């Protein structure tokens, strides 16, 4: 469903240029949930923005459902949609939920707007009562549910998820992750999830790729991650960091060869 080969993204020119992604390659099968992990600035979100068609300045190959991303194909918005990290920033403060969900349908010339909006709100656990509310009348978790509903309006085959729970309270994060798992099954979705949280990746994904300084340094299945048996030293450091404060780690007792 997703094919990326030798993807390279450079920002700026000359001596001030920054290569945010370099020679990134991976594939995601239909119906699979695939994770991209790494520290902040490793290039994870840059890859997602290319696949969503939001960054035209790149080289390499990228296809979604057989549709070439570089061709700016009109079918791409119907194939892939993105859920952004911050639900507070991704919704227009002066637009109602109804307008946010209706707009993709209007742009694509799709009718039957009202029933589709209400069905999408029901799918994400909100219901029609939220249809004419404004973002400032919603909690963070409710806003992210609206953002997910908006991404589903065109019935895409692929959802790109850029840290979809990191801006939410811990008590809400599990609800959103379980919602995404349910929607994946109900709609037959393929998910590409970006996160620095390895626990989220282990809960949501089948396989993952680890990125460092714009490059993929390791691919593995989630079973390998749960056994804590990565091949690369960088991935082992991520696993250590994911444990938070640990007395043994802080004392230098636990080490990796």
Protein backbone atom coordinates (compact mmCIF):
# COMPACT_ATOMS: atom_id res chain seq x y z
CA UNK A 1 0.00 0.00 0.00
CA UNK A 2 2.93 2.36 0.74
CA UNK A 3 6.22 2.17 -1.11
CA UNK A 4 9.10 4.54 -0.36
CA UNK A 5 12.52 4.21 -1.95
CA UNK A 6 15.57 6.45 -1.60
CA UNK A 7 13.45 9.37 -0.35
CA UNK A 8 15.61 12.45 0.26
CA UNK A 9 14.33 15.82 1.50
CA UNK A 10 16.57 18.90 1.69
CA UNK A 11 15.58 22.29 3.10
CA UNK A 12 17.52 25.42 2.12
CA UNK A 13 20.35 25.79 -0.35
CA UNK A 14 24.11 25.76 -0.41
CA UNK A 15 26.04 25.76 2.84
CA UNK A 16 22.87 26.48 4.82
CA UNK A 17 20.97 23.47 3.46
CA UNK A 18 19.71 20.79 5.84
CA UNK A 19 19.03 17.24 4.71
CA UNK A 20 16.01 16.27 6.80
CA UNK A 21 15.64 12.83 5.23
CA UNK A 22 18.22 10.88 3.28
CA UNK A 23 17.73 7.70 1.25
CA UNK A 24 14.74 6.56 3.31
CA UNK A 25 13.24 3.27 2.09
CA UNK A 26 10.43 1.09 3.47
CA UNK A 27 7.20 -0.61 2.42
CA UNK A 28 3.87 -1.03 4.21
CA UNK A 29 1.46 -3.81 3.24
CA UNK A 30 -2.27 -3.31 2.79
CA UNK A 31 -4.02 -3.30 6.17
CA UNK A 32 -0.76 -3.13 8.10
CA UNK A 33 0.08 -0.70 10.89
CA UNK A 34 3.68 0.51 10.52
CA UNK A 35 5.59 2.76 12.91
CA UNK A 36 8.33 5.33 12.37
CA UNK A 37 10.22 6.04 15.59
CA UNK A 38 13.13 8.22 16.59
CA UNK A 39 13.98 11.29 18.59
CA UNK A 40 12.75 14.77 17.68
CA UNK A 41 14.35 16.02 14.48
CA UNK A 42 15.07 12.55 13.10
CA UNK A 43 12.94 13.15 9.98
CA UNK A 44 9.81 11.15 10.84
CA UNK A 45 7.25 13.89 10.24
CA UNK A 46 9.11 15.03 7.12
CA UNK A 47 8.46 11.62 5.56
CA UNK A 48 4.75 11.82 6.44
CA UNK A 49 4.39 15.26 4.90
CA UNK A 50 5.86 14.01 1.64
CA UNK A 51 3.41 11.09 1.50
CA UNK A 52 0.51 13.45 2.25
CA UNK A 53 1.52 15.65 -0.69
CA UNK A 54 2.33 18.59 1.59
CA UNK A 55 5.99 18.88 0.61
CA UNK A 56 6.76 18.80 -3.13
CA UNK A 57 10.52 19.28 -2.74
CA UNK A 58 12.05 15.82 -2.56
CA UNK A 59 13.74 13.16 -4.65
CA UNK A 60 13.32 9.40 -4.82
CA UNK A 61 10.20 7.26 -5.23
CA UNK A 62 6.98 7.29 -3.20
CA UNK A 63 3.64 5.67 -4.02
CA UNK A 64 0.44 5.18 -2.03
CA UNK A 65 -1.93 2.51 -3.30
CA UNK A 66 -0.04 2.50 -6.58
CA UNK A 67 -0.55 6.26 -7.02
CA UNK A 68 2.70 8.21 -7.46
CA UNK A 69 2.99 11.02 -4.90
CA UNK A 70 5.25 13.06 -7.18
CA UNK A 71 2.61 13.27 -9.89
CA UNK A 72 0.26 15.38 -7.74
CA UNK A 73 -2.46 12.95 -8.83
CA UNK A 74 -6.02 14.07 -8.09
CA UNK A 75 -6.71 10.61 -6.67
CA UNK A 76 -4.21 11.06 -3.86
CA UNK A 77 -6.52 12.93 -1.39
CA UNK A 78 -9.05 10.11 -1.77
CA UNK A 79 -6.28 7.58 -1.07
CA UNK A 80 -4.42 9.07 1.88
CA UNK A 81 -5.19 11.54 4.69
CA UNK A 82 -3.19 12.82 7.64
CA UNK A 83 -3.98 13.39 11.32
CA UNK A 84 -1.71 16.04 12.83
CA UNK A 85 -0.07 16.16 16.22
CA UNK A 86 -1.80 19.16 17.76
CA UNK A 87 -5.61 19.09 17.77
CA UNK A 88 -5.63 22.70 19.00
CA UNK A 89 -3.80 23.94 15.90
CA UNK A 90 -5.30 21.66 13.25
CA UNK A 91 -8.89 22.99 13.57
CA UNK A 92 -9.87 26.54 12.57
CA UNK A 93 -11.12 28.31 15.73
CA UNK A 94 -13.94 30.11 13.84
CA UNK A 95 -15.19 27.07 11.93
CA UNK A 96 -17.75 24.70 13.40
CA UNK A 97 -17.22 20.96 13.43
CA UNK A 98 -19.79 20.75 10.65
CA UNK A 99 -17.76 23.05 8.40
CA UNK A 100 -14.49 21.27 9.17
CA UNK A 101 -15.98 17.92 8.16
CA UNK A 102 -18.01 19.23 5.21
CA UNK A 103 -15.14 21.06 3.51
CA UNK A 104 -13.32 17.96 2.14
CA UNK A 105 -16.58 16.69 0.65
CA UNK A 106 -17.31 20.03 -1.00
CA UNK A 107 -13.80 20.28 -2.46
CA UNK A 108 -14.12 16.80 -3.98
CA UNK A 109 -17.68 17.38 -5.20
CA UNK A 110 -19.21 14.68 -3.00
CA UNK A 111 -22.87 15.04 -2.04
CA UNK A 112 -24.99 13.65 0.82
CA UNK A 113 -22.97 15.88 3.16
CA UNK A 114 -25.21 15.94 6.25
CA UNK A 115 -25.57 12.18 6.70
CA UNK A 116 -21.87 11.65 6.00
CA UNK A 117 -20.88 14.19 8.66
CA UNK A 118 -23.17 12.62 11.26
CA UNK A 119 -21.95 9.13 10.41
CA UNK A 120 -18.31 10.21 10.79
CA UNK A 121 -19.00 11.80 14.17
CA UNK A 122 -20.69 8.61 15.33
CA UNK A 123 -17.72 6.55 14.09
CA UNK A 124 -15.32 8.50 16.31
CA UNK A 125 -17.55 8.32 19.37
CA UNK A 126 -18.94 11.85 19.42
CA UNK A 127 -22.32 11.77 17.70
CA UNK A 128 -24.48 14.41 15.93
CA UNK A 129 -24.77 16.57 19.07
CA UNK A 130 -21.24 17.85 18.40
CA UNK A 131 -21.90 18.85 14.80
CA UNK A 132 -22.37 22.60 15.29
CA UNK A 133 -19.92 23.18 18.12
CA UNK A 134 -16.76 25.27 17.82
CA UNK A 135 -13.29 23.95 18.75
CA UNK A 136 -13.19 26.06 21.94
CA UNK A 137 -16.24 24.14 23.13
CA UNK A 138 -14.39 20.83 22.91
CA UNK A 139 -11.78 19.12 25.06
CA UNK A 140 -8.41 18.12 23.60
CA UNK A 141 -9.52 14.53 23.13
CA UNK A 142 -12.75 15.62 21.45
CA UNK A 143 -10.81 17.88 19.08
CA UNK A 144 -8.57 15.02 18.07
CA UNK A 145 -11.63 12.84 17.46
CA UNK A 146 -12.94 15.57 15.14
CA UNK A 147 -9.57 15.66 13.36
CA UNK A 148 -9.73 11.89 12.87
CA UNK A 149 -13.32 12.17 11.59
CA UNK A 150 -12.20 14.85 9.10
CA UNK A 151 -9.44 12.54 7.85
CA UNK A 152 -12.03 9.80 7.28
CA UNK A 153 -14.51 11.95 5.33
CA UNK A 154 -13.10 10.97 1.92
CA UNK A 155 -12.93 7.29 2.92
CA UNK A 156 -9.15 6.99 2.42
CA UNK A 157 -7.28 3.69 2.41
CA UNK A 158 -4.29 5.09 4.34
CA UNK A 159 -4.09 7.24 7.48
CA UNK A 160 -0.85 9.07 8.29
CA UNK A 161 -0.69 9.71 12.05
CA UNK A 162 1.82 12.29 13.28
CA UNK A 163 2.13 11.81 17.05
CA UNK A 164 -1.69 11.77 17.36
CA UNK A 165 -1.71 11.51 21.17
CA UNK A 166 1.38 13.42 22.32
CA UNK A 167 -0.52 16.70 22.88
CA UNK A 168 -3.22 15.00 24.96
CA UNK A 169 -3.56 14.19 28.64
CA UNK A 170 -2.39 10.71 29.58
CA UNK A 171 -5.93 9.75 30.57
CA UNK A 172 -7.14 10.50 27.01
CA UNK A 173 -4.27 8.98 25.06
CA UNK A 174 -5.41 5.36 25.48
CA UNK A 175 -8.93 6.26 24.33
CA UNK A 176 -7.62 7.76 21.07
CA UNK A 177 -5.26 4.84 20.42
CA UNK A 178 -8.05 2.31 20.98
CA UNK A 179 -10.31 4.35 18.69
CA UNK A 180 -7.68 4.21 15.94
CA UNK A 181 -7.32 0.45 16.34
CA UNK A 182 -11.08 0.02 16.06
CA UNK A 183 -11.29 2.25 13.00
CA UNK A 184 -8.44 0.34 11.36
CA UNK A 185 -10.44 -2.87 11.66
CA UNK A 186 -13.80 -1.35 10.76
CA UNK A 187 -12.57 0.47 7.64
CA UNK A 188 -9.72 -1.80 6.56
CA UNK A 189 -7.22 1.03 6.96
CA UNK A 190 -3.47 0.99 6.52
CA UNK A 191 -1.78 3.09 9.23
CA UNK A 192 1.61 4.82 9.21
CA UNK A 193 2.22 6.07 12.74
CA UNK A 194 4.99 8.46 13.75
CA UNK A 195 5.94 8.50 17.42
CA UNK A 196 8.88 8.76 19.78
CA UNK A 197 6.92 6.69 22.32
CA UNK A 198 7.89 3.03 21.95
CA UNK A 199 5.00 1.89 24.16
CA UNK A 200 2.56 3.47 21.69
CA UNK A 201 4.31 1.76 18.77
CA UNK A 202 4.24 -1.61 20.55
CA UNK A 203 0.50 -1.19 21.20
CA UNK A 204 -0.46 -0.02 17.70
CA UNK A 205 1.95 -1.43 15.12
CA UNK A 206 2.96 -4.67 13.45
CA UNK A 207 6.39 -3.49 12.29
CA UNK A 208 8.50 -0.37 12.69
CA UNK A 209 11.49 1.50 11.29
CA UNK A 210 13.88 3.45 13.49
CA UNK A 211 15.13 6.80 12.17
CA UNK A 212 18.20 8.75 13.24
CA UNK A 213 19.44 11.97 11.62
CA UNK A 214 17.18 11.52 8.61
CA UNK A 215 18.08 7.89 7.91
CA UNK A 216 16.42 4.56 8.61
CA UNK A 217 18.92 2.68 10.76
CA UNK A 218 16.88 -0.42 11.57
CA UNK A 219 13.62 -2.22 10.77
CA UNK A 220 12.05 -4.82 13.04
CA UNK A 221 8.76 -6.42 13.99
CA UNK A 222 7.02 -5.50 17.23
CA UNK A 223 7.82 -8.88 18.77
CA UNK A 224 11.53 -8.01 18.55
CA UNK A 225 10.82 -4.62 20.13
CA UNK A 226 8.94 -6.22 23.02
CA UNK A 227 11.78 -8.66 23.62
CA UNK A 228 14.10 -5.64 23.67
CA UNK A 229 16.43 -7.25 21.15
CA UNK A 230 17.29 -4.49 18.66
CA UNK A 231 20.32 -4.79 16.41
CA UNK A 232 21.52 -1.17 16.51
CA UNK A 233 23.06 0.69 19.44
CA UNK A 234 20.88 3.74 18.72
CA UNK A 235 17.70 1.67 19.09
CA UNK A 236 18.99 0.28 22.38
CA UNK A 237 19.47 3.85 23.59
CA UNK A 238 15.87 4.66 22.62
CA UNK A 239 14.69 1.68 24.64
CA UNK A 240 16.68 2.91 27.64
CA UNK A 241 15.24 6.41 27.28
CA UNK A 242 11.70 5.04 27.03
CA UNK A 243 12.05 3.59 30.54
CA UNK A 244 12.15 7.11 31.97
CA UNK A 245 13.95 7.48 35.27
CA UNK A 246 15.34 4.16 36.40
CA UNK A 247 17.58 3.95 39.47
CA UNK A 248 19.78 1.23 37.99
CA UNK A 249 20.17 3.05 34.69
CA UNK A 250 20.96 6.31 36.48
CA UNK A 251 23.60 4.57 38.56
CA UNK A 252 25.18 3.10 35.44
CA UNK A 253 24.51 -0.48 36.47
CA UNK A 254 22.57 -1.40 33.36
CA UNK A 255 24.68 -1.16 30.22
CA UNK A 256 24.55 -2.48 26.67
CA UNK A 257 27.57 -3.90 24.90
